[in-house]
Amino acid sequence: MSTCCIDKKSHHNEELKKKLKNRLNRIEGQVRGINKMVEEDIYCDDILTQISSIRSALSGTANLLLEAHMKSCIIEQLSEGKTEVIDELLVTIKKMMK
């Protein structure tokens, strides 16, 4: 039995971890940049544009992680006959679509 998702841990390969960490670090920098923009009274439209960029970056990161989750944890659990994972996946997708 694998540890993926059974004990609620994943087993991402180092390449995926690196991609996710790079994306999240970039997003963190963008958020800090927006904070600085607010402190410096930058024009609202410019701040809103940056917020839109962050939303897009977060969405892309979530999609990357969802794809990896489906190709590893979901497939693995289905192959073990654990079909309840589909309900969990549907709840996750609904949350992502809000």
PDB file of N, CA and C in Angstrom:
ATOM      1  N   MET A   1       0.834  -1.184   0.000  1.00  0.00           N
ATOM      2  CA  MET A   1       0.000   0.000   0.000  1.00  0.00           C
ATOM      3  C   MET A   1       0.884   1.255   0.000  1.00  0.00           C
ATOM      4  N   SER A   2       0.569   2.177  -0.864  1.00  0.00           N
ATOM      5  CA  SER A   2       1.354   3.408  -0.989  1.00  0.00           C
ATOM      6  C   SER A   2       0.932   4.412   0.076  1.00  0.00           C
ATOM      7  N   THR A   3       1.778   5.413   0.281  1.00  0.00           N
ATOM      8  CA  THR A   3       1.446   6.465   1.242  1.00  0.00           C
ATOM      9  C   THR A   3       0.660   7.600   0.594  1.00  0.00           C
ATOM     10  N   CYS A   4       0.532   7.605  -0.693  1.00  0.00           N
ATOM     11  CA  CYS A   4      -0.140   8.714  -1.372  1.00  0.00           C
ATOM     12  C   CYS A   4      -1.602   8.799  -0.961  1.00  0.00           C
ATOM     13  N   CYS A   5      -1.957   9.884  -0.358  1.00  0.00           N
ATOM     14  CA  CYS A   5      -3.324  10.231  -0.027  1.00  0.00           C
ATOM     15  C   CYS A   5      -3.968   9.306   1.006  1.00  0.00           C
ATOM     16  N   ILE A   6      -3.418   8.115   1.253  1.00  0.00           N
ATOM     17  CA  ILE A   6      -4.003   7.218   2.232  1.00  0.00           C
ATOM     18  C   ILE A   6      -3.880   7.852   3.615  1.00  0.00           C
ATOM     19  N   ASP A   7      -2.702   8.320   3.943  1.00  0.00           N
ATOM     20  CA  ASP A   7      -2.511   9.029   5.199  1.00  0.00           C
ATOM     21  C   ASP A   7      -2.455  10.538   4.952  1.00  0.00           C
ATOM     22  N   LYS A   8      -3.062  10.954   3.859  1.00  0.00           N
ATOM     23  CA  LYS A   8      -3.176  12.356   3.449  1.00  0.00           C
ATOM     24  C   LYS A   8      -1.837  13.019   3.210  1.00  0.00           C
ATOM     25  N   LYS A   9      -0.891  12.273   2.689  1.00  0.00           N
ATOM     26  CA  LYS A   9       0.373  12.829   2.235  1.00  0.00           C
ATOM     27  C   LYS A   9       0.529  12.449   0.772  1.00  0.00           C
ATOM     28  N   SER A  10       1.265  13.255   0.050  1.00  0.00           N
ATOM     29  CA  SER A  10       1.500  12.954  -1.351  1.00  0.00           C
ATOM     30  C   SER A  10       2.955  12.575  -1.553  1.00  0.00           C
ATOM     31  N   HIS A  11       3.235  12.116  -2.729  1.00  0.00           N
ATOM     32  CA  HIS A  11       4.614  11.760  -3.052  1.00  0.00           C
ATOM     33  C   HIS A  11       5.006  12.392  -4.386  1.00  0.00           C
ATOM     34  N   HIS A  12       5.088  13.713  -4.374  1.00  0.00           N
ATOM     35  CA  HIS A  12       5.448  14.433  -5.587  1.00  0.00           C
ATOM     36  C   HIS A  12       6.928  14.246  -5.875  1.00  0.00           C
ATOM     37  N   ASN A  13       7.212  14.127  -7.167  1.00  0.00           N
ATOM     38  CA  ASN A  13       8.624  14.030  -7.534  1.00  0.00           C
ATOM     39  C   ASN A  13       9.285  15.399  -7.376  1.00  0.00           C
ATOM     40  N   GLU A  14      10.593  15.393  -7.365  1.00  0.00           N
ATOM     41  CA  GLU A  14      11.345  16.629  -7.114  1.00  0.00           C
ATOM     42  C   GLU A  14      11.102  17.683  -8.194  1.00  0.00           C
ATOM     43  N   GLU A  15      10.894  17.260  -9.429  1.00  0.00           N
ATOM     44  CA  GLU A  15      10.637  18.217 -10.508  1.00  0.00           C
ATOM     45  C   GLU A  15       9.337  18.985 -10.263  1.00  0.00           C
ATOM     46  N   LEU A  16       8.280  18.263  -9.872  1.00  0.00           N
ATOM     47  CA  LEU A  16       7.005  18.929  -9.596  1.00  0.00           C
ATOM     48  C   LEU A  16       7.136  19.843  -8.383  1.00  0.00           C
ATOM     49  N   LYS A  17       7.785  19.378  -7.333  1.00  0.00           N
ATOM     50  CA  LYS A  17       7.990  20.221  -6.154  1.00  0.00           C
ATOM     51  C   LYS A  17       8.707  21.504  -6.531  1.00  0.00           C
ATOM     52  N   LYS A  18       9.730  21.389  -7.365  1.00  0.00           N
ATOM     53  CA  LYS A  18      10.491  22.565  -7.786  1.00  0.00           C
ATOM     54  C   LYS A  18       9.598  23.540  -8.555  1.00  0.00           C
ATOM     55  N   LYS A  19       8.790  23.004  -9.482  1.00  0.00           N
ATOM     56  CA  LYS A  19       7.875  23.861 -10.250  1.00  0.00           C
ATOM     57  C   LYS A  19       6.888  24.569  -9.334  1.00  0.00           C
ATOM     58  N   LEU A  20       6.298  23.810  -8.402  1.00  0.00           N
ATOM     59  CA  LEU A  20       5.327  24.404  -7.489  1.00  0.00           C
ATOM     60  C   LEU A  20       5.972  25.462  -6.605  1.00  0.00           C
ATOM     61  N   LYS A  21       7.128  25.155  -6.043  1.00  0.00           N
ATOM     62  CA  LYS A  21       7.820  26.111  -5.174  1.00  0.00           C
ATOM     63  C   LYS A  21       8.214  27.370  -5.942  1.00  0.00           C
ATOM     64  N   ASN A  22       8.696  27.222  -7.176  1.00  0.00           N
ATOM     65  CA  ASN A  22       9.051  28.391  -7.985  1.00  0.00           C
ATOM     66  C   ASN A  22       7.837  29.273  -8.232  1.00  0.00           C
ATOM     67  N   ARG A  23       6.727  28.638  -8.593  1.00  0.00           N
ATOM     68  CA  ARG A  23       5.503  29.402  -8.847  1.00  0.00           C
ATOM     69  C   ARG A  23       5.041  30.121  -7.578  1.00  0.00           C
ATOM     70  N   LEU A  24       5.036  29.397  -6.458  1.00  0.00           N
ATOM     71  CA  LEU A  24       4.566  29.985  -5.205  1.00  0.00           C
ATOM     72  C   LEU A  24       5.490  31.098  -4.722  1.00  0.00           C
ATOM     73  N   ASN A  25       6.777  30.940  -4.914  1.00  0.00           N
ATOM     74  CA  ASN A  25       7.717  32.009  -4.548  1.00  0.00           C
ATOM     75  C   ASN A  25       7.481  33.251  -5.393  1.00  0.00           C
ATOM     76  N   ARG A  26       7.209  33.043  -6.671  1.00  0.00           N
ATOM     77  CA  ARG A  26       6.926  34.176  -7.561  1.00  0.00           C
ATOM     78  C   ARG A  26       5.646  34.886  -7.120  1.00  0.00           C
ATOM     79  N   ILE A  27       4.620  34.098  -6.775  1.00  0.00           N
ATOM     80  CA  ILE A  27       3.348  34.671  -6.315  1.00  0.00           C
ATOM     81  C   ILE A  27       3.555  35.441  -5.013  1.00  0.00           C
ATOM     82  N   GLU A  28       4.331  34.869  -4.118  1.00  0.00           N
ATOM     83  CA  GLU A  28       4.632  35.542  -2.853  1.00  0.00           C
ATOM     84  C   GLU A  28       5.293  36.900  -3.118  1.00  0.00           C
ATOM     85  N   GLY A  29       6.199  36.942  -4.055  1.00  0.00           N
ATOM     86  CA  GLY A  29       6.843  38.200  -4.424  1.00  0.00           C
ATOM     87  C   GLY A  29       5.857  39.194  -4.998  1.00  0.00           C
ATOM     88  N   GLN A  30       4.922  38.692  -5.809  1.00  0.00           N
ATOM     89  CA  GLN A  30       3.902  39.574  -6.377  1.00  0.00           C
ATOM     90  C   GLN A  30       3.027  40.173  -5.276  1.00  0.00           C
ATOM     91  N   VAL A  31       2.667  39.363  -4.290  1.00  0.00           N
ATOM     92  CA  VAL A  31       1.839  39.861  -3.185  1.00  0.00           C
ATOM     93  C   VAL A  31       2.592  40.934  -2.403  1.00  0.00           C
ATOM     94  N   ARG A  32       3.856  40.686  -2.161  1.00  0.00           N
ATOM     95  CA  ARG A  32       4.665  41.708  -1.481  1.00  0.00           C
ATOM     96  C   ARG A  32       4.708  42.992  -2.304  1.00  0.00           C
ATOM     97  N   GLY A  33       4.805  42.831  -3.606  1.00  0.00           N
ATOM     98  CA  GLY A  33       4.822  43.995  -4.491  1.00  0.00           C
ATOM     99  C   GLY A  33       3.537  44.794  -4.401  1.00  0.00           C
ATOM    100  N   ILE A  34       2.414  44.110  -4.314  1.00  0.00           N
ATOM    101  CA  ILE A  34       1.130  44.796  -4.188  1.00  0.00           C
ATOM    102  C   ILE A  34       1.068  45.540  -2.853  1.00  0.00           C
ATOM    103  N   ASN A  35       1.550  44.906  -1.810  1.00  0.00           N
ATOM    104  CA  ASN A  35       1.566  45.565  -0.505  1.00  0.00           C
ATOM    105  C   ASN A  35       2.358  46.870  -0.579  1.00  0.00           C
ATOM    106  N   LYS A  36       3.489  46.818  -1.250  1.00  0.00           N
ATOM    107  CA  LYS A  36       4.319  48.019  -1.412  1.00  0.00           C
ATOM    108  C   LYS A  36       3.585  49.066  -2.254  1.00  0.00           C
ATOM    109  N   MET A  37       2.880  48.607  -3.290  1.00  0.00           N
ATOM    110  CA  MET A  37       2.121  49.525  -4.149  1.00  0.00           C
ATOM    111  C   MET A  37       1.063  50.271  -3.328  1.00  0.00           C
ATOM    112  N   VAL A  38       0.396  49.548  -2.435  1.00  0.00           N
ATOM    113  CA  VAL A  38      -0.622  50.171  -1.589  1.00  0.00           C
ATOM    114  C   VAL A  38       0.028  51.209  -0.671  1.00  0.00           C
ATOM    115  N   GLU A  39       1.152  50.837  -0.076  1.00  0.00           N
ATOM    116  CA  GLU A  39       1.866  51.772   0.813  1.00  0.00           C
ATOM    117  C   GLU A  39       2.293  53.029   0.076  1.00  0.00           C
ATOM    118  N   GLU A  40       2.633  52.881  -1.193  1.00  0.00           N
ATOM    119  CA  GLU A  40       3.126  54.006  -1.986  1.00  0.00           C
ATOM    120  C   GLU A  40       2.023  54.738  -2.747  1.00  0.00           C
ATOM    121  N   ASP A  41       0.764  54.401  -2.440  1.00  0.00           N
ATOM    122  CA  ASP A  41      -0.395  55.055  -3.065  1.00  0.00           C
ATOM    123  C   ASP A  41      -0.382  54.953  -4.590  1.00  0.00           C
ATOM    124  N   ILE A  42       0.012  53.810  -5.098  1.00  0.00           N
ATOM    125  CA  ILE A  42      -0.015  53.578  -6.549  1.00  0.00           C
ATOM    126  C   ILE A  42      -1.468  53.576  -7.026  1.00  0.00           C
ATOM    127  N   TYR A  43      -1.677  53.990  -8.227  1.00  0.00           N
ATOM    128  CA  TYR A  43      -3.003  54.091  -8.832  1.00  0.00           C
ATOM    129  C   TYR A  43      -3.756  52.760  -8.732  1.00  0.00           C
ATOM    130  N   CYS A  44      -5.012  52.828  -8.305  1.00  0.00           N
ATOM    131  CA  CYS A  44      -5.826  51.632  -8.042  1.00  0.00           C
ATOM    132  C   CYS A  44      -5.873  50.659  -9.222  1.00  0.00           C
ATOM    133  N   ASP A  45      -6.010  51.172 -10.421  1.00  0.00           N
ATOM    134  CA  ASP A  45      -6.101  50.310 -11.599  1.00  0.00           C
ATOM    135  C   ASP A  45      -4.839  49.462 -11.764  1.00  0.00           C
ATOM    136  N   ASP A  46      -3.697  50.042 -11.461  1.00  0.00           N
ATOM    137  CA  ASP A  46      -2.437  49.300 -11.550  1.00  0.00           C
ATOM    138  C   ASP A  46      -2.388  48.183 -10.516  1.00  0.00           C
ATOM    139  N   ILE A  47      -2.897  48.465  -9.313  1.00  0.00           N
ATOM    140  CA  ILE A  47      -2.932  47.441  -8.271  1.00  0.00           C
ATOM    141  C   ILE A  47      -3.893  46.325  -8.661  1.00  0.00           C
ATOM    142  N   LEU A  48      -5.045  46.702  -9.178  1.00  0.00           N
ATOM    143  CA  LEU A  48      -6.025  45.699  -9.605  1.00  0.00           C
ATOM    144  C   LEU A  48      -5.468  44.802 -10.712  1.00  0.00           C
ATOM    145  N   THR A  49      -4.691  45.380 -11.593  1.00  0.00           N
ATOM    146  CA  THR A  49      -4.057  44.590 -12.653  1.00  0.00           C
ATOM    147  C   THR A  49      -3.106  43.556 -12.051  1.00  0.00           C
ATOM    148  N   GLN A  50      -2.351  43.965 -11.037  1.00  0.00           N
ATOM    149  CA  GLN A  50      -1.435  43.036 -10.375  1.00  0.00           C
ATOM    150  C   GLN A  50      -2.194  41.944  -9.624  1.00  0.00           C
ATOM    151  N   ILE A  51      -3.308  42.298  -9.001  1.00  0.00           N
ATOM    152  CA  ILE A  51      -4.134  41.304  -8.314  1.00  0.00           C
ATOM    153  C   ILE A  51      -4.654  40.284  -9.314  1.00  0.00           C
ATOM    154  N   SER A  52      -5.059  40.751 -10.482  1.00  0.00           N
ATOM    155  CA  SER A  52      -5.522  39.848 -11.536  1.00  0.00           C
ATOM    156  C   SER A  52      -4.415  38.883 -11.964  1.00  0.00           C
ATOM    157  N   SER A  53      -3.199  39.387 -12.044  1.00  0.00           N
ATOM    158  CA  SER A  53      -2.062  38.535 -12.398  1.00  0.00           C
ATOM    159  C   SER A  53      -1.832  37.458 -11.349  1.00  0.00           C
ATOM    160  N   ILE A  54      -1.986  37.823 -10.091  1.00  0.00           N
ATOM    161  CA  ILE A  54      -1.803  36.851  -9.010  1.00  0.00           C
ATOM    162  C   ILE A  54      -2.882  35.781  -9.062  1.00  0.00           C
ATOM    163  N   ARG A  55      -4.115  36.200  -9.295  1.00  0.00           N
ATOM    164  CA  ARG A  55      -5.204  35.215  -9.422  1.00  0.00           C
ATOM    165  C   ARG A  55      -4.900  34.217 -10.537  1.00  0.00           C
ATOM    166  N   SER A  56      -4.431  34.725 -11.642  1.00  0.00           N
ATOM    167  CA  SER A  56      -4.097  33.861 -12.772  1.00  0.00           C
ATOM    168  C   SER A  56      -2.954  32.908 -12.416  1.00  0.00           C
ATOM    169  N   ALA A  57      -1.953  33.428 -11.733  1.00  0.00           N
ATOM    170  CA  ALA A  57      -0.812  32.602 -11.330  1.00  0.00           C
ATOM    171  C   ALA A  57      -1.237  31.520 -10.340  1.00  0.00           C
ATOM    172  N   LEU A  58      -2.097  31.874  -9.397  1.00  0.00           N
ATOM    173  CA  LEU A  58      -2.602  30.889  -8.436  1.00  0.00           C
ATOM    174  C   LEU A  58      -3.434  29.814  -9.141  1.00  0.00           C
ATOM    175  N   SER A  59      -4.237  30.238 -10.075  1.00  0.00           N
ATOM    176  CA  SER A  59      -5.048  29.284 -10.828  1.00  0.00           C
ATOM    177  C   SER A  59      -4.169  28.305 -11.602  1.00  0.00           C
ATOM    178  N   GLY A  60      -3.134  28.814 -12.233  1.00  0.00           N
ATOM    179  CA  GLY A  60      -2.212  27.950 -12.968  1.00  0.00           C
ATOM    180  C   GLY A  60      -1.502  26.968 -12.055  1.00  0.00           C
ATOM    181  N   THR A  61      -1.131  27.436 -10.868  1.00  0.00           N
ATOM    182  CA  THR A  61      -0.473  26.571  -9.889  1.00  0.00           C
ATOM    183  C   THR A  61      -1.435  25.491  -9.409  1.00  0.00           C
ATOM    184  N   ALA A  62      -2.670  25.879  -9.128  1.00  0.00           N
ATOM    185  CA  ALA A  62      -3.680  24.912  -8.694  1.00  0.00           C
ATOM    186  C   ALA A  62      -3.936  23.874  -9.783  1.00  0.00           C
ATOM    187  N   ASN A  63      -3.997  24.312 -11.018  1.00  0.00           N
ATOM    188  CA  ASN A  63      -4.229  23.378 -12.124  1.00  0.00           C
ATOM    189  C   ASN A  63      -3.080  22.383 -12.271  1.00  0.00           C
ATOM    190  N   LEU A  64      -1.863  22.860 -12.104  1.00  0.00           N
ATOM    191  CA  LEU A  64      -0.695  21.983 -12.166  1.00  0.00           C
ATOM    192  C   LEU A  64      -0.766  20.927 -11.063  1.00  0.00           C
ATOM    193  N   LEU A  65      -1.108  21.353  -9.857  1.00  0.00           N
ATOM    194  CA  LEU A  65      -1.205  20.428  -8.741  1.00  0.00           C
ATOM    195  C   LEU A  65      -2.374  19.465  -8.912  1.00  0.00           C
ATOM    196  N   LEU A  66      -3.497  19.951  -9.410  1.00  0.00           N
ATOM    197  CA  LEU A  66      -4.654  19.085  -9.649  1.00  0.00           C
ATOM    198  C   LEU A  66      -4.323  18.000 -10.669  1.00  0.00           C
ATOM    199  N   GLU A  67      -3.640  18.373 -11.716  1.00  0.00           N
ATOM    200  CA  GLU A  67      -3.246  17.402 -12.734  1.00  0.00           C
ATOM    201  C   GLU A  67      -2.347  16.323 -12.128  1.00  0.00           C
ATOM    202  N   ALA A  68      -1.379  16.736 -11.349  1.00  0.00           N
ATOM    203  CA  ALA A  68      -0.477  15.771 -10.706  1.00  0.00           C
ATOM    204  C   ALA A  68      -1.253  14.874  -9.745  1.00  0.00           C
ATOM    205  N   HIS A  69      -2.185  15.452  -9.019  1.00  0.00           N
ATOM    206  CA  HIS A  69      -3.009  14.696  -8.074  1.00  0.00           C
ATOM    207  C   HIS A  69      -3.825  13.627  -8.807  1.00  0.00           C
ATOM    208  N   MET A  70      -4.416  14.029  -9.917  1.00  0.00           N
ATOM    209  CA  MET A  70      -5.240  13.088 -10.687  1.00  0.00           C
ATOM    210  C   MET A  70      -4.403  11.970 -11.294  1.00  0.00           C
ATOM    211  N   LYS A  71      -3.192  12.301 -11.722  1.00  0.00           N
ATOM    212  CA  LYS A  71      -2.340  11.303 -12.367  1.00  0.00           C
ATOM    213  C   LYS A  71      -1.641  10.389 -11.363  1.00  0.00           C
ATOM    214  N   SER A  72      -1.672  10.753 -10.090  1.00  0.00           N
ATOM    215  CA  SER A  72      -0.998   9.903  -9.100  1.00  0.00           C
ATOM    216  C   SER A  72      -2.003   9.380  -8.080  1.00  0.00           C
ATOM    217  N   CYS A  73      -2.389  10.212  -7.151  1.00  0.00           N
ATOM    218  CA  CYS A  73      -3.242   9.777  -6.041  1.00  0.00           C
ATOM    219  C   CYS A  73      -4.581   9.203  -6.507  1.00  0.00           C
ATOM    220  N   ILE A  74      -5.233   9.898  -7.413  1.00  0.00           N
ATOM    221  CA  ILE A  74      -6.556   9.455  -7.845  1.00  0.00           C
ATOM    222  C   ILE A  74      -6.466   8.120  -8.581  1.00  0.00           C
ATOM    223  N   ILE A  75      -5.579   8.031  -9.541  1.00  0.00           N
ATOM    224  CA  ILE A  75      -5.426   6.781 -10.291  1.00  0.00           C
ATOM    225  C   ILE A  75      -5.046   5.640  -9.356  1.00  0.00           C
ATOM    226  N   GLU A  76      -4.146   5.920  -8.446  1.00  0.00           N
ATOM    227  CA  GLU A  76      -3.698   4.891  -7.506  1.00  0.00           C
ATOM    228  C   GLU A  76      -4.843   4.379  -6.650  1.00  0.00           C
ATOM    229  N   GLN A  77      -5.620   5.294  -6.104  1.00  0.00           N
ATOM    230  CA  GLN A  77      -6.730   4.877  -5.250  1.00  0.00           C
ATOM    231  C   GLN A  77      -7.810   4.144  -6.042  1.00  0.00           C
ATOM    232  N   LEU A  78      -8.075   4.593  -7.251  1.00  0.00           N
ATOM    233  CA  LEU A  78      -9.047   3.886  -8.088  1.00  0.00           C
ATOM    234  C   LEU A  78      -8.580   2.473  -8.401  1.00  0.00           C
ATOM    235  N   SER A  79      -7.299   2.318  -8.662  1.00  0.00           N
ATOM    236  CA  SER A  79      -6.762   0.980  -8.961  1.00  0.00           C
ATOM    237  C   SER A  79      -6.861   0.058  -7.745  1.00  0.00           C
ATOM    238  N   GLU A  80      -6.941   0.663  -6.548  1.00  0.00           N
ATOM    239  CA  GLU A  80      -7.110  -0.109  -5.315  1.00  0.00           C
ATOM    240  C   GLU A  80      -8.582  -0.287  -4.957  1.00  0.00           C
ATOM    241  N   GLY A  81      -9.475   0.153  -5.867  1.00  0.00           N
ATOM    242  CA  GLY A  81     -10.910  -0.006  -5.648  1.00  0.00           C
ATOM    243  C   GLY A  81     -11.537   1.030  -4.741  1.00  0.00           C
ATOM    244  N   LYS A  82     -10.829   2.090  -4.437  1.00  0.00           N
ATOM    245  CA  LYS A  82     -11.329   3.121  -3.527  1.00  0.00           C
ATOM    246  C   LYS A  82     -12.030   4.221  -4.317  1.00  0.00           C
ATOM    247  N   THR A  83     -13.246   3.921  -4.739  1.00  0.00           N
ATOM    248  CA  THR A  83     -13.984   4.840  -5.607  1.00  0.00           C
ATOM    249  C   THR A  83     -14.464   6.100  -4.891  1.00  0.00           C
ATOM    250  N   GLU A  84     -14.439   6.124  -3.554  1.00  0.00           N
ATOM    251  CA  GLU A  84     -14.860   7.321  -2.821  1.00  0.00           C
ATOM    252  C   GLU A  84     -13.960   8.513  -3.127  1.00  0.00           C
ATOM    253  N   VAL A  85     -12.796   8.235  -3.683  1.00  0.00           N
ATOM    254  CA  VAL A  85     -11.877   9.314  -4.036  1.00  0.00           C
ATOM    255  C   VAL A  85     -12.486  10.221  -5.117  1.00  0.00           C
ATOM    256  N   ILE A  86     -13.402   9.696  -5.903  1.00  0.00           N
ATOM    257  CA  ILE A  86     -14.068  10.508  -6.928  1.00  0.00           C
ATOM    258  C   ILE A  86     -14.898  11.607  -6.268  1.00  0.00           C
ATOM    259  N   ASP A  87     -15.618  11.255  -5.199  1.00  0.00           N
ATOM    260  CA  ASP A  87     -16.403  12.271  -4.485  1.00  0.00           C
ATOM    261  C   ASP A  87     -15.499  13.361  -3.910  1.00  0.00           C
ATOM    262  N   GLU A  88     -14.363  12.950  -3.352  1.00  0.00           N
ATOM    263  CA  GLU A  88     -13.402  13.917  -2.818  1.00  0.00           C
ATOM    264  C   GLU A  88     -12.893  14.830  -3.932  1.00  0.00           C
ATOM    265  N   LEU A  89     -12.586  14.254  -5.079  1.00  0.00           N
ATOM    266  CA  LEU A  89     -12.104  15.028  -6.219  1.00  0.00           C
ATOM    267  C   LEU A  89     -13.155  16.023  -6.698  1.00  0.00           C
ATOM    268  N   LEU A  90     -14.402  15.600  -6.750  1.00  0.00           N
ATOM    269  CA  LEU A  90     -15.473  16.496  -7.190  1.00  0.00           C
ATOM    270  C   LEU A  90     -15.637  17.676  -6.238  1.00  0.00           C
ATOM    271  N   VAL A  91     -15.524  17.430  -4.940  1.00  0.00           N
ATOM    272  CA  VAL A  91     -15.604  18.521  -3.962  1.00  0.00           C
ATOM    273  C   VAL A  91     -14.456  19.502  -4.191  1.00  0.00           C
ATOM    274  N   THR A  92     -13.266  18.964  -4.429  1.00  0.00           N
ATOM    275  CA  THR A  92     -12.090  19.815  -4.663  1.00  0.00           C
ATOM    276  C   THR A  92     -12.290  20.661  -5.917  1.00  0.00           C
ATOM    277  N   ILE A  93     -12.751  20.050  -6.985  1.00  0.00           N
ATOM    278  CA  ILE A  93     -12.964  20.788  -8.236  1.00  0.00           C
ATOM    279  C   ILE A  93     -14.015  21.877  -8.052  1.00  0.00           C
ATOM    280  N   LYS A  94     -15.090  21.582  -7.331  1.00  0.00           N
ATOM    281  CA  LYS A  94     -16.115  22.602  -7.065  1.00  0.00           C
ATOM    282  C   LYS A  94     -15.523  23.774  -6.302  1.00  0.00           C
ATOM    283  N   LYS A  95     -14.669  23.492  -5.317  1.00  0.00           N
ATOM    284  CA  LYS A  95     -14.013  24.573  -4.556  1.00  0.00           C
ATOM    285  C   LYS A  95     -13.137  25.425  -5.484  1.00  0.00           C
ATOM    286  N   MET A  96     -12.448  24.769  -6.395  1.00  0.00           N
ATOM    287  CA  MET A  96     -11.566  25.490  -7.306  1.00  0.00           C
ATOM    288  C   MET A  96     -12.338  26.375  -8.274  1.00  0.00           C
ATOM    289  N   MET A  97     -13.579  25.998  -8.572  1.00  0.00           N
ATOM    290  CA  MET A  97     -14.367  26.733  -9.552  1.00  0.00           C
ATOM    291  C   MET A  97     -15.053  27.969  -8.969  1.00  0.00           C
ATOM    292  N   LYS A  98     -15.012  28.126  -7.656  1.00  0.00           N
ATOM    293  CA  LYS A  98     -15.666  29.294  -7.026  1.00  0.00           C
ATOM    294  C   LYS A  98     -14.884  30.546  -7.276  1.00  0.00           C
TER     295      LYS A  98
END
